[in-house]
Amino acid sequence: MVLLEFSISPTGKGESLSEDVAAILNVIDNSGVPYQLTPMGTILEGEWEEVISVVTNCFHEMEKRANRIGLHLKVDYRKGENSRLKSKMAKVENILGKELNK
């Protein structure tokens, strides 16, 4: 199972990127892949082929919107594990004995 964190953004379009972010989140949400939005990117959870397909679809959406794109990826693979998107946080909260700010 893969956790893939990525951020994608157009370059040279000014400061407000809300429309671009909304278009990308629509692609992610419509994919059906479990995800978690963070202030600095999005985390996807699934098999390699499905999560990289979502990133590819996001790239193609951004390609329609911008002449230059910045894309950052970070991947954590663990054989046989699933539901790590939530369970990793839950495990740390259990160790601490309290719920963390999410």
PDB file of N, CA and C in Angstrom:
ATOM      1  N   MET A   1       0.847  -1.179   0.000  1.00  0.00           N
ATOM      2  CA  MET A   1       0.000   0.000   0.000  1.00  0.00           C
ATOM      3  C   MET A   1       0.891   1.240   0.000  1.00  0.00           C
ATOM      4  N   VAL A   2       0.492   2.232  -0.735  1.00  0.00           N
ATOM      5  CA  VAL A   2       1.272   3.457  -0.902  1.00  0.00           C
ATOM      6  C   VAL A   2       0.557   4.632  -0.248  1.00  0.00           C
ATOM      7  N   LEU A   3       1.312   5.423   0.492  1.00  0.00           N
ATOM      8  CA  LEU A   3       0.887   6.770   0.862  1.00  0.00           C
ATOM      9  C   LEU A   3       1.703   7.692  -0.025  1.00  0.00           C
ATOM     10  N   LEU A   4       1.043   8.531  -0.784  1.00  0.00           N
ATOM     11  CA  LEU A   4       1.721   9.446  -1.689  1.00  0.00           C
ATOM     12  C   LEU A   4       1.258  10.856  -1.360  1.00  0.00           C
ATOM     13  N   GLU A   5       2.211  11.687  -0.973  1.00  0.00           N
ATOM     14  CA  GLU A   5       1.902  13.095  -0.705  1.00  0.00           C
ATOM     15  C   GLU A   5       2.407  13.909  -1.882  1.00  0.00           C
ATOM     16  N   PHE A   6       1.558  14.794  -2.379  1.00  0.00           N
ATOM     17  CA  PHE A   6       2.007  15.628  -3.487  1.00  0.00           C
ATOM     18  C   PHE A   6       1.387  17.014  -3.429  1.00  0.00           C
ATOM     19  N   SER A   7       2.069  17.916  -4.089  1.00  0.00           N
ATOM     20  CA  SER A   7       1.524  19.245  -4.315  1.00  0.00           C
ATOM     21  C   SER A   7       1.835  19.599  -5.762  1.00  0.00           C
ATOM     22  N   ILE A   8       0.912  20.275  -6.382  1.00  0.00           N
ATOM     23  CA  ILE A   8       1.073  20.688  -7.768  1.00  0.00           C
ATOM     24  C   ILE A   8       0.565  22.118  -7.879  1.00  0.00           C
ATOM     25  N   SER A   9       1.299  22.943  -8.588  1.00  0.00           N
ATOM     26  CA  SER A   9       0.860  24.325  -8.735  1.00  0.00           C
ATOM     27  C   SER A   9       1.398  24.921 -10.025  1.00  0.00           C
ATOM     28  N   PRO A  10       0.648  25.861 -10.569  1.00  0.00           N
ATOM     29  CA  PRO A  10       1.122  26.568 -11.743  1.00  0.00           C
ATOM     30  C   PRO A  10       2.186  27.579 -11.330  1.00  0.00           C
ATOM     31  N   THR A  11       3.072  27.865 -12.221  1.00  0.00           N
ATOM     32  CA  THR A  11       4.098  28.875 -11.970  1.00  0.00           C
ATOM     33  C   THR A  11       3.800  30.096 -12.834  1.00  0.00           C
ATOM     34  N   GLY A  12       3.947  31.271 -12.235  1.00  0.00           N
ATOM     35  CA  GLY A  12       3.793  32.505 -12.992  1.00  0.00           C
ATOM     36  C   GLY A  12       2.365  32.981 -13.170  1.00  0.00           C
ATOM     37  N   LYS A  13       1.445  32.536 -12.313  1.00  0.00           N
ATOM     38  CA  LYS A  13       0.047  32.951 -12.443  1.00  0.00           C
ATOM     39  C   LYS A  13      -0.392  33.908 -11.338  1.00  0.00           C
ATOM     40  N   GLY A  14       0.538  34.406 -10.553  1.00  0.00           N
ATOM     41  CA  GLY A  14       0.174  35.335  -9.491  1.00  0.00           C
ATOM     42  C   GLY A  14      -0.003  34.636  -8.158  1.00  0.00           C
ATOM     43  N   GLU A  15      -0.567  35.370  -7.200  1.00  0.00           N
ATOM     44  CA  GLU A  15      -0.679  34.874  -5.832  1.00  0.00           C
ATOM     45  C   GLU A  15      -1.908  34.024  -5.579  1.00  0.00           C
ATOM     46  N   SER A  16      -3.038  34.338  -6.177  1.00  0.00           N
ATOM     47  CA  SER A  16      -4.269  33.612  -5.901  1.00  0.00           C
ATOM     48  C   SER A  16      -4.389  32.406  -6.829  1.00  0.00           C
ATOM     49  N   LEU A  17      -4.363  31.217  -6.230  1.00  0.00           N
ATOM     50  CA  LEU A  17      -4.424  29.988  -7.010  1.00  0.00           C
ATOM     51  C   LEU A  17      -5.655  29.147  -6.661  1.00  0.00           C
ATOM     52  N   SER A  18      -6.650  29.757  -6.029  1.00  0.00           N
ATOM     53  CA  SER A  18      -7.827  29.036  -5.552  1.00  0.00           C
ATOM     54  C   SER A  18      -8.552  28.283  -6.663  1.00  0.00           C
ATOM     55  N   GLU A  19      -8.681  28.884  -7.821  1.00  0.00           N
ATOM     56  CA  GLU A  19      -9.375  28.230  -8.940  1.00  0.00           C
ATOM     57  C   GLU A  19      -8.609  26.984  -9.382  1.00  0.00           C
ATOM     58  N   ASP A  20      -7.287  27.077  -9.431  1.00  0.00           N
ATOM     59  CA  ASP A  20      -6.464  25.935  -9.834  1.00  0.00           C
ATOM     60  C   ASP A  20      -6.522  24.827  -8.789  1.00  0.00           C
ATOM     61  N   VAL A  21      -6.450  25.208  -7.526  1.00  0.00           N
ATOM     62  CA  VAL A  21      -6.527  24.229  -6.436  1.00  0.00           C
ATOM     63  C   VAL A  21      -7.884  23.521  -6.479  1.00  0.00           C
ATOM     64  N   ALA A  22      -8.948  24.257  -6.694  1.00  0.00           N
ATOM     65  CA  ALA A  22     -10.287  23.670  -6.765  1.00  0.00           C
ATOM     66  C   ALA A  22     -10.383  22.673  -7.919  1.00  0.00           C
ATOM     67  N   ALA A  23      -9.808  22.999  -9.065  1.00  0.00           N
ATOM     68  CA  ALA A  23      -9.851  22.093 -10.220  1.00  0.00           C
ATOM     69  C   ALA A  23      -9.118  20.790  -9.919  1.00  0.00           C
ATOM     70  N   ILE A  24      -7.965  20.890  -9.253  1.00  0.00           N
ATOM     71  CA  ILE A  24      -7.185  19.706  -8.906  1.00  0.00           C
ATOM     72  C   ILE A  24      -7.918  18.872  -7.859  1.00  0.00           C
ATOM     73  N   LEU A  25      -8.485  19.515  -6.861  1.00  0.00           N
ATOM     74  CA  LEU A  25      -9.220  18.777  -5.834  1.00  0.00           C
ATOM     75  C   LEU A  25     -10.455  18.086  -6.405  1.00  0.00           C
ATOM     76  N   ASN A  26     -11.033  18.653  -7.427  1.00  0.00           N
ATOM     77  CA  ASN A  26     -12.158  18.001  -8.090  1.00  0.00           C
ATOM     78  C   ASN A  26     -11.690  16.699  -8.753  1.00  0.00           C
ATOM     79  N   VAL A  27     -10.537  16.731  -9.400  1.00  0.00           N
ATOM     80  CA  VAL A  27      -9.976  15.518 -10.009  1.00  0.00           C
ATOM     81  C   VAL A  27      -9.722  14.464  -8.929  1.00  0.00           C
ATOM     82  N   ILE A  28      -9.108  14.887  -7.831  1.00  0.00           N
ATOM     83  CA  ILE A  28      -8.794  13.954  -6.735  1.00  0.00           C
ATOM     84  C   ILE A  28     -10.067  13.373  -6.146  1.00  0.00           C
ATOM     85  N   ASP A  29     -11.030  14.223  -5.835  1.00  0.00           N
ATOM     86  CA  ASP A  29     -12.265  13.772  -5.205  1.00  0.00           C
ATOM     87  C   ASP A  29     -13.041  12.814  -6.109  1.00  0.00           C
ATOM     88  N   ASN A  30     -13.053  13.089  -7.406  1.00  0.00           N
ATOM     89  CA  ASN A  30     -13.764  12.235  -8.360  1.00  0.00           C
ATOM     90  C   ASN A  30     -13.059  10.904  -8.608  1.00  0.00           C
ATOM     91  N   SER A  31     -11.801  10.792  -8.196  1.00  0.00           N
ATOM     92  CA  SER A  31     -11.033   9.564  -8.442  1.00  0.00           C
ATOM     93  C   SER A  31     -11.514   8.394  -7.585  1.00  0.00           C
ATOM     94  N   GLY A  32     -12.094   8.684  -6.427  1.00  0.00           N
ATOM     95  CA  GLY A  32     -12.500   7.635  -5.509  1.00  0.00           C
ATOM     96  C   GLY A  32     -11.377   7.119  -4.628  1.00  0.00           C
ATOM     97  N   VAL A  33     -10.169   7.616  -4.814  1.00  0.00           N
ATOM     98  CA  VAL A  33      -9.015   7.214  -4.002  1.00  0.00           C
ATOM     99  C   VAL A  33      -9.101   7.942  -2.656  1.00  0.00           C
ATOM    100  N   PRO A  34      -8.893   7.234  -1.543  1.00  0.00           N
ATOM    101  CA  PRO A  34      -8.883   7.918  -0.243  1.00  0.00           C
ATOM    102  C   PRO A  34      -7.796   9.002  -0.216  1.00  0.00           C
ATOM    103  N   TYR A  35      -8.145  10.160   0.324  1.00  0.00           N
ATOM    104  CA  TYR A  35      -7.175  11.263   0.376  1.00  0.00           C
ATOM    105  C   TYR A  35      -7.393  12.108   1.618  1.00  0.00           C
ATOM    106  N   GLN A  36      -6.353  12.860   1.932  1.00  0.00           N
ATOM    107  CA  GLN A  36      -6.426  13.830   3.022  1.00  0.00           C
ATOM    108  C   GLN A  36      -5.786  15.117   2.526  1.00  0.00           C
ATOM    109  N   LEU A  37      -6.543  16.183   2.548  1.00  0.00           N
ATOM    110  CA  LEU A  37      -6.050  17.495   2.154  1.00  0.00           C
ATOM    111  C   LEU A  37      -5.309  18.111   3.329  1.00  0.00           C
ATOM    112  N   THR A  38      -4.143  18.671   3.070  1.00  0.00           N
ATOM    113  CA  THR A  38      -3.384  19.401   4.091  1.00  0.00           C
ATOM    114  C   THR A  38      -3.106  20.806   3.555  1.00  0.00           C
ATOM    115  N   PRO A  39      -2.657  21.713   4.394  1.00  0.00           N
ATOM    116  CA  PRO A  39      -2.368  23.062   3.913  1.00  0.00           C
ATOM    117  C   PRO A  39      -1.240  23.116   2.878  1.00  0.00           C
ATOM    118  N   MET A  40      -0.388  22.097   2.844  1.00  0.00           N
ATOM    119  CA  MET A  40       0.766  22.118   1.947  1.00  0.00           C
ATOM    120  C   MET A  40       0.696  21.088   0.818  1.00  0.00           C
ATOM    121  N   GLY A  41      -0.404  20.340   0.737  1.00  0.00           N
ATOM    122  CA  GLY A  41      -0.519  19.329  -0.301  1.00  0.00           C
ATOM    123  C   GLY A  41      -1.659  18.379  -0.005  1.00  0.00           C
ATOM    124  N   THR A  42      -1.616  17.235  -0.664  1.00  0.00           N
ATOM    125  CA  THR A  42      -2.646  16.222  -0.505  1.00  0.00           C
ATOM    126  C   THR A  42      -1.990  14.856  -0.381  1.00  0.00           C
ATOM    127  N   ILE A  43      -2.525  14.020   0.505  1.00  0.00           N
ATOM    128  CA  ILE A  43      -2.021  12.664   0.691  1.00  0.00           C
ATOM    129  C   ILE A  43      -3.037  11.705   0.099  1.00  0.00           C
ATOM    130  N   LEU A  44      -2.566  10.823  -0.775  1.00  0.00           N
ATOM    131  CA  LEU A  44      -3.398   9.788  -1.375  1.00  0.00           C
ATOM    132  C   LEU A  44      -3.002   8.443  -0.786  1.00  0.00           C
ATOM    133  N   GLU A  45      -3.964   7.517  -0.693  1.00  0.00           N
ATOM    134  CA  GLU A  45      -3.662   6.177  -0.212  1.00  0.00           C
ATOM    135  C   GLU A  45      -4.237   5.148  -1.178  1.00  0.00           C
ATOM    136  N   GLY A  46      -3.398   4.186  -1.592  1.00  0.00           N
ATOM    137  CA  GLY A  46      -3.867   3.132  -2.480  1.00  0.00           C
ATOM    138  C   GLY A  46      -2.706   2.358  -3.058  1.00  0.00           C
ATOM    139  N   GLU A  47      -2.999   1.577  -4.069  1.00  0.00           N
ATOM    140  CA  GLU A  47      -1.952   0.858  -4.786  1.00  0.00           C
ATOM    141  C   GLU A  47      -1.228   1.842  -5.695  1.00  0.00           C
ATOM    142  N   TRP A  48       0.022   1.526  -6.017  1.00  0.00           N
ATOM    143  CA  TRP A  48       0.864   2.428  -6.808  1.00  0.00           C
ATOM    144  C   TRP A  48       0.154   2.901  -8.075  1.00  0.00           C
ATOM    145  N   GLU A  49      -0.384   1.972  -8.839  1.00  0.00           N
ATOM    146  CA  GLU A  49      -0.989   2.333 -10.123  1.00  0.00           C
ATOM    147  C   GLU A  49      -2.134   3.321  -9.962  1.00  0.00           C
ATOM    148  N   GLU A  50      -2.948   3.150  -8.915  1.00  0.00           N
ATOM    149  CA  GLU A  50      -4.091   4.048  -8.765  1.00  0.00           C
ATOM    150  C   GLU A  50      -3.678   5.428  -8.261  1.00  0.00           C
ATOM    151  N   VAL A  51      -2.724   5.502  -7.329  1.00  0.00           N
ATOM    152  CA  VAL A  51      -2.349   6.833  -6.824  1.00  0.00           C
ATOM    153  C   VAL A  51      -1.543   7.610  -7.860  1.00  0.00           C
ATOM    154  N   ILE A  52      -0.677   6.922  -8.604  1.00  0.00           N
ATOM    155  CA  ILE A  52       0.105   7.638  -9.617  1.00  0.00           C
ATOM    156  C   ILE A  52      -0.795   8.056 -10.779  1.00  0.00           C
ATOM    157  N   SER A  53      -1.872   7.296 -11.011  1.00  0.00           N
ATOM    158  CA  SER A  53      -2.845   7.681 -12.029  1.00  0.00           C
ATOM    159  C   SER A  53      -3.556   8.976 -11.642  1.00  0.00           C
ATOM    160  N   VAL A  54      -3.886   9.124 -10.366  1.00  0.00           N
ATOM    161  CA  VAL A  54      -4.514  10.363  -9.896  1.00  0.00           C
ATOM    162  C   VAL A  54      -3.559  11.539 -10.095  1.00  0.00           C
ATOM    163  N   VAL A  55      -2.297  11.346  -9.737  1.00  0.00           N
ATOM    164  CA  VAL A  55      -1.305  12.418  -9.929  1.00  0.00           C
ATOM    165  C   VAL A  55      -1.191  12.770 -11.416  1.00  0.00           C
ATOM    166  N   THR A  56      -1.174  11.768 -12.272  1.00  0.00           N
ATOM    167  CA  THR A  56      -1.092  11.995 -13.719  1.00  0.00           C
ATOM    168  C   THR A  56      -2.304  12.783 -14.206  1.00  0.00           C
ATOM    169  N   ASN A  57      -3.482  12.415 -13.735  1.00  0.00           N
ATOM    170  CA  ASN A  57      -4.694  13.145 -14.127  1.00  0.00           C
ATOM    171  C   ASN A  57      -4.660  14.585 -13.630  1.00  0.00           C
ATOM    172  N   CYS A  58      -4.127  14.794 -12.449  1.00  0.00           N
ATOM    173  CA  CYS A  58      -3.977  16.163 -11.917  1.00  0.00           C
ATOM    174  C   CYS A  58      -2.995  16.959 -12.769  1.00  0.00           C
ATOM    175  N   PHE A  59      -1.910  16.305 -13.168  1.00  0.00           N
ATOM    176  CA  PHE A  59      -0.924  16.976 -14.025  1.00  0.00           C
ATOM    177  C   PHE A  59      -1.583  17.417 -15.333  1.00  0.00           C
ATOM    178  N   HIS A  60      -2.357  16.525 -15.949  1.00  0.00           N
ATOM    179  CA  HIS A  60      -3.008  16.863 -17.216  1.00  0.00           C
ATOM    180  C   HIS A  60      -4.024  17.994 -17.044  1.00  0.00           C
ATOM    181  N   GLU A  61      -4.715  18.021 -15.907  1.00  0.00           N
ATOM    182  CA  GLU A  61      -5.644  19.125 -15.634  1.00  0.00           C
ATOM    183  C   GLU A  61      -4.869  20.436 -15.504  1.00  0.00           C
ATOM    184  N   MET A  62      -3.758  20.407 -14.781  1.00  0.00           N
ATOM    185  CA  MET A  62      -2.965  21.623 -14.605  1.00  0.00           C
ATOM    186  C   MET A  62      -2.320  22.059 -15.922  1.00  0.00           C
ATOM    187  N   GLU A  63      -1.983  21.095 -16.755  1.00  0.00           N
ATOM    188  CA  GLU A  63      -1.385  21.380 -18.064  1.00  0.00           C
ATOM    189  C   GLU A  63      -2.329  22.229 -18.922  1.00  0.00           C
ATOM    190  N   LYS A  64      -3.632  22.042 -18.749  1.00  0.00           N
ATOM    191  CA  LYS A  64      -4.631  22.840 -19.472  1.00  0.00           C
ATOM    192  C   LYS A  64      -4.656  24.278 -18.962  1.00  0.00           C
ATOM    193  N   ARG A  65      -4.210  24.474 -17.715  1.00  0.00           N
ATOM    194  CA  ARG A  65      -4.388  25.748 -17.040  1.00  0.00           C
ATOM    195  C   ARG A  65      -3.122  26.599 -16.984  1.00  0.00           C
ATOM    196  N   ALA A  66      -1.957  25.979 -17.228  1.00  0.00           N
ATOM    197  CA  ALA A  66      -0.697  26.711 -17.030  1.00  0.00           C
ATOM    198  C   ALA A  66       0.374  26.264 -18.028  1.00  0.00           C
ATOM    199  N   ASN A  67       1.264  27.172 -18.335  1.00  0.00           N
ATOM    200  CA  ASN A  67       2.384  26.863 -19.221  1.00  0.00           C
ATOM    201  C   ASN A  67       3.579  26.274 -18.470  1.00  0.00           C
ATOM    202  N   ARG A  68       3.592  26.450 -17.157  1.00  0.00           N
ATOM    203  CA  ARG A  68       4.669  25.911 -16.332  1.00  0.00           C
ATOM    204  C   ARG A  68       4.075  25.378 -15.036  1.00  0.00           C
ATOM    205  N   ILE A  69       4.555  24.194 -14.603  1.00  0.00           N
ATOM    206  CA  ILE A  69       3.969  23.508 -13.453  1.00  0.00           C
ATOM    207  C   ILE A  69       5.074  23.062 -12.505  1.00  0.00           C
ATOM    208  N   GLY A  70       4.835  23.243 -11.208  1.00  0.00           N
ATOM    209  CA  GLY A  70       5.707  22.685 -10.181  1.00  0.00           C
ATOM    210  C   GLY A  70       4.985  21.506  -9.532  1.00  0.00           C
ATOM    211  N   LEU A  71       5.677  20.364  -9.404  1.00  0.00           N
ATOM    212  CA  LEU A  71       5.081  19.164  -8.830  1.00  0.00           C
ATOM    213  C   LEU A  71       6.067  18.539  -7.862  1.00  0.00           C
ATOM    214  N   HIS A  72       5.614  18.300  -6.632  1.00  0.00           N
ATOM    215  CA  HIS A  72       6.450  17.679  -5.603  1.00  0.00           C
ATOM    216  C   HIS A  72       5.763  16.400  -5.137  1.00  0.00           C
ATOM    217  N   LEU A  73       6.530  15.304  -5.076  1.00  0.00           N
ATOM    218  CA  LEU A  73       6.005  13.999  -4.657  1.00  0.00           C
ATOM    219  C   LEU A  73       6.824  13.434  -3.514  1.00  0.00           C
ATOM    220  N   LYS A  74       6.142  12.767  -2.602  1.00  0.00           N
ATOM    221  CA  LYS A  74       6.804  12.010  -1.541  1.00  0.00           C
ATOM    222  C   LYS A  74       6.013  10.723  -1.373  1.00  0.00           C
ATOM    223  N   VAL A  75       6.703   9.571  -1.363  1.00  0.00           N
ATOM    224  CA  VAL A  75       6.025   8.283  -1.341  1.00  0.00           C
ATOM    225  C   VAL A  75       6.532   7.425  -0.189  1.00  0.00           C
ATOM    226  N   ASP A  76       5.583   6.749   0.476  1.00  0.00           N
ATOM    227  CA  ASP A  76       5.899   5.763   1.503  1.00  0.00           C
ATOM    228  C   ASP A  76       5.157   4.486   1.138  1.00  0.00           C
ATOM    229  N   TYR A  77       5.909   3.420   0.854  1.00  0.00           N
ATOM    230  CA  TYR A  77       5.306   2.134   0.500  1.00  0.00           C
ATOM    231  C   TYR A  77       5.502   1.154   1.644  1.00  0.00           C
ATOM    232  N   ARG A  78       4.447   0.424   1.962  1.00  0.00           N
ATOM    233  CA  ARG A  78       4.547  -0.628   2.966  1.00  0.00           C
ATOM    234  C   ARG A  78       3.710  -1.811   2.494  1.00  0.00           C
ATOM    235  N   LYS A  79       4.369  -2.933   2.312  1.00  0.00           N
ATOM    236  CA  LYS A  79       3.713  -4.131   1.800  1.00  0.00           C
ATOM    237  C   LYS A  79       2.595  -4.578   2.739  1.00  0.00           C
ATOM    238  N   GLY A  80       1.419  -4.804   2.135  1.00  0.00           N
ATOM    239  CA  GLY A  80       0.318  -5.407   2.863  1.00  0.00           C
ATOM    240  C   GLY A  80      -0.478  -4.497   3.781  1.00  0.00           C
ATOM    241  N   GLU A  81       0.007  -3.336   4.081  1.00  0.00           N
ATOM    242  CA  GLU A  81      -0.720  -2.441   5.003  1.00  0.00           C
ATOM    243  C   GLU A  81      -1.754  -1.625   4.240  1.00  0.00           C
ATOM    244  N   ASN A  82      -2.897  -1.391   4.867  1.00  0.00           N
ATOM    245  CA  ASN A  82      -3.866  -0.458   4.306  1.00  0.00           C
ATOM    246  C   ASN A  82      -4.462   0.388   5.424  1.00  0.00           C
ATOM    247  N   SER A  83      -5.201   1.381   5.058  1.00  0.00           N
ATOM    248  CA  SER A  83      -5.815   2.334   5.997  1.00  0.00           C
ATOM    249  C   SER A  83      -4.780   3.070   6.842  1.00  0.00           C
ATOM    250  N   ARG A  84      -3.605   3.264   6.313  1.00  0.00           N
ATOM    251  CA  ARG A  84      -2.560   3.970   7.046  1.00  0.00           C
ATOM    252  C   ARG A  84      -2.796   5.470   7.105  1.00  0.00           C
ATOM    253  N   LEU A  85      -3.631   5.967   6.210  1.00  0.00           N
ATOM    254  CA  LEU A  85      -3.922   7.396   6.180  1.00  0.00           C
ATOM    255  C   LEU A  85      -4.407   7.875   7.545  1.00  0.00           C
ATOM    256  N   LYS A  86      -5.243   7.090   8.201  1.00  0.00           N
ATOM    257  CA  LYS A  86      -5.771   7.444   9.518  1.00  0.00           C
ATOM    258  C   LYS A  86      -5.076   6.696  10.641  1.00  0.00           C
ATOM    259  N   SER A  87      -4.671   5.459  10.376  1.00  0.00           N
ATOM    260  CA  SER A  87      -4.126   4.638  11.453  1.00  0.00           C
ATOM    261  C   SER A  87      -2.773   5.149  11.961  1.00  0.00           C
ATOM    262  N   LYS A  88      -1.984   5.784  11.105  1.00  0.00           N
ATOM    263  CA  LYS A  88      -0.695   6.313  11.563  1.00  0.00           C
ATOM    264  C   LYS A  88      -0.905   7.399  12.619  1.00  0.00           C
ATOM    265  N   MET A  89      -1.883   8.270  12.379  1.00  0.00           N
ATOM    266  CA  MET A  89      -2.187   9.323  13.351  1.00  0.00           C
ATOM    267  C   MET A  89      -2.786   8.716  14.620  1.00  0.00           C
ATOM    268  N   ALA A  90      -3.683   7.746  14.451  1.00  0.00           N
ATOM    269  CA  ALA A  90      -4.331   7.117  15.604  1.00  0.00           C
ATOM    270  C   ALA A  90      -3.312   6.431  16.501  1.00  0.00           C
ATOM    271  N   LYS A  91      -2.301   5.808  15.918  1.00  0.00           N
ATOM    272  CA  LYS A  91      -1.277   5.125  16.707  1.00  0.00           C
ATOM    273  C   LYS A  91      -0.489   6.122  17.561  1.00  0.00           C
ATOM    274  N   VAL A  92      -0.121   7.242  16.979  1.00  0.00           N
ATOM    275  CA  VAL A  92       0.615   8.272  17.723  1.00  0.00           C
ATOM    276  C   VAL A  92      -0.271   8.851  18.825  1.00  0.00           C
ATOM    277  N   GLU A  93      -1.544   9.092  18.526  1.00  0.00           N
ATOM    278  CA  GLU A  93      -2.463   9.605  19.541  1.00  0.00           C
ATOM    279  C   GLU A  93      -2.618   8.608  20.687  1.00  0.00           C
ATOM    280  N   ASN A  94      -2.657   7.331  20.362  1.00  0.00           N
ATOM    281  CA  ASN A  94      -2.754   6.299  21.388  1.00  0.00           C
ATOM    282  C   ASN A  94      -1.524   6.320  22.294  1.00  0.00           C
ATOM    283  N   ILE A  95      -0.359   6.452  21.717  1.00  0.00           N
ATOM    284  CA  ILE A  95       0.886   6.510  22.498  1.00  0.00           C
ATOM    285  C   ILE A  95       0.874   7.732  23.414  1.00  0.00           C
ATOM    286  N   LEU A  96       0.418   8.870  22.898  1.00  0.00           N
ATOM    287  CA  LEU A  96       0.374  10.098  23.679  1.00  0.00           C
ATOM    288  C   LEU A  96      -0.779  10.129  24.674  1.00  0.00           C
ATOM    289  N   GLY A  97      -1.801   9.317  24.423  1.00  0.00           N
ATOM    290  CA  GLY A  97      -2.961   9.309  25.302  1.00  0.00           C
ATOM    291  C   GLY A  97      -3.866  10.519  25.110  1.00  0.00           C
ATOM    292  N   LYS A  98      -3.800  11.130  23.930  1.00  0.00           N
ATOM    293  CA  LYS A  98      -4.673  12.267  23.655  1.00  0.00           C
ATOM    294  C   LYS A  98      -4.843  12.438  22.145  1.00  0.00           C
ATOM    295  N   GLU A  99      -5.939  13.113  21.792  1.00  0.00           N
ATOM    296  CA  GLU A  99      -6.208  13.411  20.395  1.00  0.00           C
ATOM    297  C   GLU A  99      -5.400  14.641  19.990  1.00  0.00           C
ATOM    298  N   LEU A 100      -4.794  14.567  18.834  1.00  0.00           N
ATOM    299  CA  LEU A 100      -4.010  15.681  18.319  1.00  0.00           C
ATOM    300  C   LEU A 100      -4.868  16.606  17.457  1.00  0.00           C
ATOM    301  N   ASN A 101      -4.426  17.825  17.309  1.00  0.00           N
ATOM    302  CA  ASN A 101      -5.098  18.817  16.468  1.00  0.00           C
ATOM    303  C   ASN A 101      -4.924  18.389  15.010  1.00  0.00           C
ATOM    304  N   LYS A 102      -6.040  18.198  14.308  1.00  0.00           N
ATOM    305  CA  LYS A 102      -5.999  17.760  12.906  1.00  0.00           C
ATOM    306  C   LYS A 102      -6.542  18.825  11.999  1.00  0.00           C
TER     307      LYS A 102
END
